[in-house]
Amino acid sequence: MSKSEQSARRMSRPHDARAMRSRDALQQAFLRLLSKRPLNEITIRDITNEAEVSYPVFFRRYAGKDELLQDIAAGEVQRLLTLTLPIFDTNAEQMSLEALCTYVSDHRLLWKQLLTGGAATAMRDEFLRIARELGLSRREHNPGLPVELASSFVVAAIFEILSWWLAQPEDYPIDNIIKFLTALVVRPAMSQIDAAAYPI
């Protein structure tokens, strides 16, 4: 059985209350530890001690730290998408961008780790998968632009801007990031393309 199949098998186990409590405890413990020191200095024993669960409980759910981080990443992607989708609604664009940037700023240490650490690829893939699904229902915004292309562009641009931002000093103005997202993501994605000129 491959690693990905083993991971899928663990993650598909029944979500009874006790299993969910252990999962939440492990995730929260890991996030607390990540806020204090780098990923490579955190051991699985540190995580289980912080979570107050037994060492074997960790391996009933995860194969290692990377898998735990990927699970956290998937949840963060879902939260960020909830904030991101309204940016393509002209009535909610500014408010949505402010909410997105505030959320990332409030969880800066976590997002810095997620975007630059072992979960970065998983985060991008998950974000892109969901963005493509949702893009299919938003084709009316720009019917001349292929959904797959637009989704890939939007996801890559958002992640590049956020990664760049998180490499800046912590007091870097959020307003600048909102302007960058508007200029480099929202406006290009919303620019109308003549469908007749580029038949799909």
C-alpha atoms as a PDB file:
ATOM      1  CA  MET A   1       0.000   0.000   0.000  1.00  0.00           C
ATOM      2  CA  SER A   2       1.428   3.397  -0.999  1.00  0.00           C
ATOM      3  CA  LYS A   3       1.932   6.280   1.438  1.00  0.00           C
ATOM      4  CA  SER A   4      -0.948   8.229  -0.086  1.00  0.00           C
ATOM      5  CA  GLU A   5      -3.257   5.200   0.219  1.00  0.00           C
ATOM      6  CA  GLN A   6      -2.221   4.712   3.849  1.00  0.00           C
ATOM      7  CA  SER A   7      -2.888   8.387   4.525  1.00  0.00           C
ATOM      8  CA  ALA A   8      -6.315   8.226   2.859  1.00  0.00           C
ATOM      9  CA  ARG A   9      -7.182   5.153   4.894  1.00  0.00           C
ATOM     10  CA  ARG A  10      -6.269   6.862   8.176  1.00  0.00           C
ATOM     11  CA  MET A  11      -8.117  10.048   7.249  1.00  0.00           C
ATOM     12  CA  SER A  12     -11.254   8.136   6.212  1.00  0.00           C
ATOM     13  CA  ARG A  13     -11.750   6.448   9.549  1.00  0.00           C
ATOM     14  CA  PRO A  14     -15.012   7.152  11.336  1.00  0.00           C
ATOM     15  CA  HIS A  15     -15.110  10.566  12.955  1.00  0.00           C
ATOM     16  CA  ASP A  16     -16.447   9.586  16.369  1.00  0.00           C
ATOM     17  CA  ALA A  17     -16.357  12.151  19.162  1.00  0.00           C
ATOM     18  CA  ARG A  18     -13.229  10.760  20.815  1.00  0.00           C
ATOM     19  CA  ALA A  19     -11.291  10.629  17.545  1.00  0.00           C
ATOM     20  CA  MET A  20     -12.322  14.200  16.723  1.00  0.00           C
ATOM     21  CA  ARG A  21     -11.243  15.419  20.174  1.00  0.00           C
ATOM     22  CA  SER A  22      -7.838  13.773  19.709  1.00  0.00           C
ATOM     23  CA  ARG A  23      -7.479  15.276  16.227  1.00  0.00           C
ATOM     24  CA  ASP A  24      -8.377  18.752  17.452  1.00  0.00           C
ATOM     25  CA  ALA A  25      -6.043  18.428  20.443  1.00  0.00           C
ATOM     26  CA  LEU A  26      -3.143  17.377  18.209  1.00  0.00           C
ATOM     27  CA  GLN A  27      -3.774  20.203  15.751  1.00  0.00           C
ATOM     28  CA  GLN A  28      -4.061  22.868  18.435  1.00  0.00           C
ATOM     29  CA  ALA A  29      -0.978  21.567  20.217  1.00  0.00           C
ATOM     30  CA  PHE A  30       1.001  21.618  16.991  1.00  0.00           C
ATOM     31  CA  LEU A  31      -0.093  25.174  16.227  1.00  0.00           C
ATOM     32  CA  ARG A  32       0.899  26.316  19.729  1.00  0.00           C
ATOM     33  CA  LEU A  33       4.314  24.726  19.299  1.00  0.00           C
ATOM     34  CA  LEU A  34       4.747  26.248  15.826  1.00  0.00           C
ATOM     35  CA  SER A  35       4.143  29.679  17.301  1.00  0.00           C
ATOM     36  CA  LYS A  36       7.134  29.157  19.601  1.00  0.00           C
ATOM     37  CA  ARG A  37       9.716  27.350  17.490  1.00  0.00           C
ATOM     38  CA  PRO A  38      10.501  26.088  13.962  1.00  0.00           C
ATOM     39  CA  LEU A  39       8.961  22.927  12.548  1.00  0.00           C
ATOM     40  CA  ASN A  40      12.249  21.019  12.482  1.00  0.00           C
ATOM     41  CA  GLU A  41      12.671  21.504  16.236  1.00  0.00           C
ATOM     42  CA  ILE A  42       9.276  19.995  17.075  1.00  0.00           C
ATOM     43  CA  THR A  43       9.054  16.255  17.698  1.00  0.00           C
ATOM     44  CA  ILE A  44       5.998  14.048  17.668  1.00  0.00           C
ATOM     45  CA  ARG A  45       6.600  13.466  21.373  1.00  0.00           C
ATOM     46  CA  ASP A  46       6.456  17.262  21.887  1.00  0.00           C
ATOM     47  CA  ILE A  47       3.115  17.354  20.082  1.00  0.00           C
ATOM     48  CA  THR A  48       1.551  14.480  22.043  1.00  0.00           C
ATOM     49  CA  ASN A  49       2.811  15.900  25.345  1.00  0.00           C
ATOM     50  CA  GLU A  50       1.397  19.322  24.493  1.00  0.00           C
ATOM     51  CA  ALA A  51      -1.899  17.759  23.390  1.00  0.00           C
ATOM     52  CA  GLU A  52      -2.000  15.514  26.466  1.00  0.00           C
ATOM     53  CA  VAL A  53      -2.659  12.410  24.388  1.00  0.00           C
ATOM     54  CA  SER A  54      -0.682   9.194  24.252  1.00  0.00           C
ATOM     55  CA  TYR A  55       2.077   8.714  21.683  1.00  0.00           C
ATOM     56  CA  PRO A  56       0.261   5.871  19.821  1.00  0.00           C
ATOM     57  CA  VAL A  57      -2.841   8.079  19.396  1.00  0.00           C
ATOM     58  CA  PHE A  58      -0.857  10.316  17.060  1.00  0.00           C
ATOM     59  CA  PHE A  59      -0.105   7.440  14.699  1.00  0.00           C
ATOM     60  CA  ARG A  60      -3.712   6.304  14.600  1.00  0.00           C
ATOM     61  CA  ARG A  61      -4.422   9.556  12.813  1.00  0.00           C
ATOM     62  CA  TYR A  62      -1.198  10.669  11.151  1.00  0.00           C
ATOM     63  CA  ALA A  63       1.923   9.087   9.652  1.00  0.00           C
ATOM     64  CA  GLY A  64       4.073  12.021  10.762  1.00  0.00           C
ATOM     65  CA  LYS A  65       4.321  15.775  11.264  1.00  0.00           C
ATOM     66  CA  ASP A  66       3.972  16.513   7.544  1.00  0.00           C
ATOM     67  CA  GLU A  67       0.629  14.744   7.374  1.00  0.00           C
ATOM     68  CA  LEU A  68      -0.608  16.624  10.434  1.00  0.00           C
ATOM     69  CA  LEU A  69       0.511  19.875   8.834  1.00  0.00           C
ATOM     70  CA  GLN A  70      -1.295  18.976   5.592  1.00  0.00           C
ATOM     71  CA  ASP A  71      -4.495  18.295   7.531  1.00  0.00           C
ATOM     72  CA  ILE A  72      -4.221  21.707   9.167  1.00  0.00           C
ATOM     73  CA  ALA A  73      -3.463  23.252   5.772  1.00  0.00           C
ATOM     74  CA  ALA A  74      -6.658  21.829   4.252  1.00  0.00           C
ATOM     75  CA  GLY A  75      -8.715  23.415   7.042  1.00  0.00           C
ATOM     76  CA  GLU A  76      -6.960  26.749   6.583  1.00  0.00           C
ATOM     77  CA  VAL A  77      -7.583  26.659   2.845  1.00  0.00           C
ATOM     78  CA  GLN A  78     -11.302  26.184   3.484  1.00  0.00           C
ATOM     79  CA  ARG A  79     -11.326  29.181   5.843  1.00  0.00           C
ATOM     80  CA  LEU A  80      -9.386  31.362   3.425  1.00  0.00           C
ATOM     81  CA  LEU A  81     -11.650  30.407   0.522  1.00  0.00           C
ATOM     82  CA  THR A  82     -14.681  31.502   2.516  1.00  0.00           C
ATOM     83  CA  LEU A  83     -13.062  34.934   2.736  1.00  0.00           C
ATOM     84  CA  THR A  84     -11.704  34.934  -0.832  1.00  0.00           C
ATOM     85  CA  LEU A  85     -14.777  34.117  -2.925  1.00  0.00           C
ATOM     86  CA  PRO A  86     -16.573  37.458  -2.453  1.00  0.00           C
ATOM     87  CA  ILE A  87     -13.615  39.378  -3.949  1.00  0.00           C
ATOM     88  CA  PHE A  88     -15.146  38.692  -7.357  1.00  0.00           C
ATOM     89  CA  ASP A  89     -18.406  40.332  -6.308  1.00  0.00           C
ATOM     90  CA  THR A  90     -17.990  44.059  -6.914  1.00  0.00           C
ATOM     91  CA  ASN A  91     -20.300  44.835  -4.000  1.00  0.00           C
ATOM     92  CA  ALA A  92     -18.150  42.928  -1.488  1.00  0.00           C
ATOM     93  CA  GLU A  93     -14.670  43.139  -3.005  1.00  0.00           C
ATOM     94  CA  GLN A  94     -13.058  45.615  -0.570  1.00  0.00           C
ATOM     95  CA  MET A  95     -14.607  44.098   2.547  1.00  0.00           C
ATOM     96  CA  SER A  96     -13.584  40.605   1.459  1.00  0.00           C
ATOM     97  CA  LEU A  97      -9.983  41.610   0.756  1.00  0.00           C
ATOM     98  CA  GLU A  98      -9.762  43.286   4.149  1.00  0.00           C
ATOM     99  CA  ALA A  99     -11.159  40.170   5.865  1.00  0.00           C
ATOM    100  CA  LEU A 100      -8.757  37.892   3.973  1.00  0.00           C
ATOM    101  CA  CYS A 101      -5.696  39.988   4.848  1.00  0.00           C
ATOM    102  CA  THR A 102      -6.763  40.468   8.452  1.00  0.00           C
ATOM    103  CA  TYR A 103      -7.214  36.716   8.858  1.00  0.00           C
ATOM    104  CA  VAL A 104      -3.746  35.959   7.474  1.00  0.00           C
ATOM    105  CA  SER A 105      -2.231  38.727   9.600  1.00  0.00           C
ATOM    106  CA  ASP A 106      -3.930  37.411  12.749  1.00  0.00           C
ATOM    107  CA  HIS A 107      -2.530  33.935  11.987  1.00  0.00           C
ATOM    108  CA  ARG A 108       0.794  35.134  10.597  1.00  0.00           C
ATOM    109  CA  LEU A 109       3.062  32.486  12.165  1.00  0.00           C
ATOM    110  CA  LEU A 110       0.837  29.665  11.008  1.00  0.00           C
ATOM    111  CA  TRP A 111       0.474  30.995   7.472  1.00  0.00           C
ATOM    112  CA  LYS A 112       4.199  31.667   7.190  1.00  0.00           C
ATOM    113  CA  GLN A 113       4.842  28.039   8.119  1.00  0.00           C
ATOM    114  CA  LEU A 114       2.125  26.741   5.799  1.00  0.00           C
ATOM    115  CA  LEU A 115       3.271  28.745   2.791  1.00  0.00           C
ATOM    116  CA  THR A 116       6.998  28.145   3.187  1.00  0.00           C
ATOM    117  CA  GLY A 117       7.102  24.725   4.870  1.00  0.00           C
ATOM    118  CA  GLY A 118       6.192  21.168   4.008  1.00  0.00           C
ATOM    119  CA  ALA A 119       2.492  21.872   3.519  1.00  0.00           C
ATOM    120  CA  ALA A 120       2.887  24.559   0.823  1.00  0.00           C
ATOM    121  CA  THR A 121       2.266  22.182  -2.089  1.00  0.00           C
ATOM    122  CA  ALA A 122      -0.713  20.570  -0.374  1.00  0.00           C
ATOM    123  CA  MET A 123      -2.187  24.008   0.337  1.00  0.00           C
ATOM    124  CA  ARG A 124      -1.863  25.161  -3.256  1.00  0.00           C
ATOM    125  CA  ASP A 125      -3.286  21.914  -4.615  1.00  0.00           C
ATOM    126  CA  GLU A 126      -6.272  22.007  -2.261  1.00  0.00           C
ATOM    127  CA  PHE A 127      -6.921  25.675  -2.939  1.00  0.00           C
ATOM    128  CA  LEU A 128      -6.724  25.093  -6.695  1.00  0.00           C
ATOM    129  CA  ARG A 129      -9.018  22.056  -6.569  1.00  0.00           C
ATOM    130  CA  ILE A 130     -11.750  23.928  -4.723  1.00  0.00           C
ATOM    131  CA  ALA A 131     -11.255  27.102  -6.758  1.00  0.00           C
ATOM    132  CA  ARG A 132     -11.777  25.145  -9.973  1.00  0.00           C
ATOM    133  CA  GLU A 133     -14.937  23.559  -8.612  1.00  0.00           C
ATOM    134  CA  LEU A 134     -16.327  26.908  -7.577  1.00  0.00           C
ATOM    135  CA  GLY A 135     -15.121  28.546 -10.784  1.00  0.00           C
ATOM    136  CA  LEU A 136     -17.429  26.341 -12.807  1.00  0.00           C
ATOM    137  CA  SER A 137     -20.406  28.060 -11.217  1.00  0.00           C
ATOM    138  CA  ARG A 138     -18.884  31.519 -11.688  1.00  0.00           C
ATOM    139  CA  ARG A 139     -18.298  31.339 -15.425  1.00  0.00           C
ATOM    140  CA  GLU A 140     -20.881  34.070 -15.948  1.00  0.00           C
ATOM    141  CA  HIS A 141     -18.367  36.648 -14.676  1.00  0.00           C
ATOM    142  CA  ASN A 142     -16.085  36.106 -17.639  1.00  0.00           C
ATOM    143  CA  PRO A 143     -17.342  33.504 -20.109  1.00  0.00           C
ATOM    144  CA  GLY A 144     -14.426  34.121 -22.488  1.00  0.00           C
ATOM    145  CA  LEU A 145     -11.831  32.940 -19.976  1.00  0.00           C
ATOM    146  CA  PRO A 146     -11.228  29.188 -19.472  1.00  0.00           C
ATOM    147  CA  VAL A 147     -12.052  28.228 -15.879  1.00  0.00           C
ATOM    148  CA  GLU A 148      -8.937  26.063 -15.462  1.00  0.00           C
ATOM    149  CA  LEU A 149      -6.664  28.879 -16.607  1.00  0.00           C
ATOM    150  CA  ALA A 150      -8.377  31.529 -14.512  1.00  0.00           C
ATOM    151  CA  SER A 151      -8.369  29.341 -11.393  1.00  0.00           C
ATOM    152  CA  SER A 152      -4.670  28.489 -11.754  1.00  0.00           C
ATOM    153  CA  PHE A 153      -3.812  32.149 -12.269  1.00  0.00           C
ATOM    154  CA  VAL A 154      -5.849  33.380  -9.307  1.00  0.00           C
ATOM    155  CA  VAL A 155      -4.523  30.746  -6.894  1.00  0.00           C
ATOM    156  CA  ALA A 156      -0.890  31.257  -7.947  1.00  0.00           C
ATOM    157  CA  ALA A 157      -1.199  35.039  -7.690  1.00  0.00           C
ATOM    158  CA  ILE A 158      -2.849  34.966  -4.247  1.00  0.00           C
ATOM    159  CA  PHE A 159      -0.238  32.584  -2.862  1.00  0.00           C
ATOM    160  CA  GLU A 160       2.679  34.533  -4.358  1.00  0.00           C
ATOM    161  CA  ILE A 161       1.391  37.801  -2.902  1.00  0.00           C
ATOM    162  CA  LEU A 162       0.788  36.264   0.526  1.00  0.00           C
ATOM    163  CA  SER A 163       4.189  34.534   0.525  1.00  0.00           C
ATOM    164  CA  TRP A 164       5.893  37.798  -0.396  1.00  0.00           C
ATOM    165  CA  TRP A 165       3.964  39.663   2.295  1.00  0.00           C
ATOM    166  CA  LEU A 166       4.900  37.169   5.008  1.00  0.00           C
ATOM    167  CA  ALA A 167       8.570  37.634   4.151  1.00  0.00           C
ATOM    168  CA  GLN A 168       8.273  41.372   4.919  1.00  0.00           C
ATOM    169  CA  PRO A 169       8.530  42.933   8.409  1.00  0.00           C
ATOM    170  CA  GLU A 170       5.441  42.325  10.534  1.00  0.00           C
ATOM    171  CA  ASP A 171       4.427  45.987  10.398  1.00  0.00           C
ATOM    172  CA  TYR A 172       4.199  46.003   6.594  1.00  0.00           C
ATOM    173  CA  PRO A 173       0.882  47.785   5.779  1.00  0.00           C
ATOM    174  CA  ILE A 174      -2.090  45.530   5.065  1.00  0.00           C
ATOM    175  CA  ASP A 175      -3.487  48.287   2.827  1.00  0.00           C
ATOM    176  CA  ASN A 176      -0.621  47.705   0.395  1.00  0.00           C
ATOM    177  CA  ILE A 177      -1.418  43.994   0.172  1.00  0.00           C
ATOM    178  CA  ILE A 178      -5.070  44.793  -0.511  1.00  0.00           C
ATOM    179  CA  LYS A 179      -3.966  47.093  -3.348  1.00  0.00           C
ATOM    180  CA  PHE A 180      -1.676  44.388  -4.760  1.00  0.00           C
ATOM    181  CA  LEU A 181      -4.454  41.793  -4.637  1.00  0.00           C
ATOM    182  CA  THR A 182      -6.822  44.209  -6.340  1.00  0.00           C
ATOM    183  CA  ALA A 183      -4.350  45.162  -9.077  1.00  0.00           C
ATOM    184  CA  LEU A 184      -2.809  41.734  -9.700  1.00  0.00           C
ATOM    185  CA  VAL A 185      -5.694  39.340  -9.004  1.00  0.00           C
ATOM    186  CA  VAL A 186      -9.155  40.880  -8.913  1.00  0.00           C
ATOM    187  CA  ARG A 187      -8.959  43.346 -11.797  1.00  0.00           C
ATOM    188  CA  PRO A 188      -7.267  40.982 -14.294  1.00  0.00           C
ATOM    189  CA  ALA A 189      -9.601  38.107 -13.440  1.00  0.00           C
ATOM    190  CA  MET A 190     -12.658  40.328 -13.830  1.00  0.00           C
ATOM    191  CA  SER A 191     -11.519  41.976 -17.085  1.00  0.00           C
ATOM    192  CA  GLN A 192     -13.978  40.943 -19.767  1.00  0.00           C
ATOM    193  CA  ILE A 193     -12.630  38.828 -22.600  1.00  0.00           C
ATOM    194  CA  ASP A 194     -14.604  38.583 -25.799  1.00  0.00           C
ATOM    195  CA  ALA A 195     -15.692  34.942 -25.943  1.00  0.00           C
ATOM    196  CA  ALA A 196     -16.177  35.152 -29.715  1.00  0.00           C
ATOM    197  CA  ALA A 197     -12.548  36.193 -30.217  1.00  0.00           C
ATOM    198  CA  TYR A 198     -11.265  33.198 -28.230  1.00  0.00           C
ATOM    199  CA  PRO A 199     -13.674  30.324 -28.836  1.00  0.00           C
ATOM    200  CA  ILE A 200     -13.461  27.555 -26.235  1.00  0.00           C
END
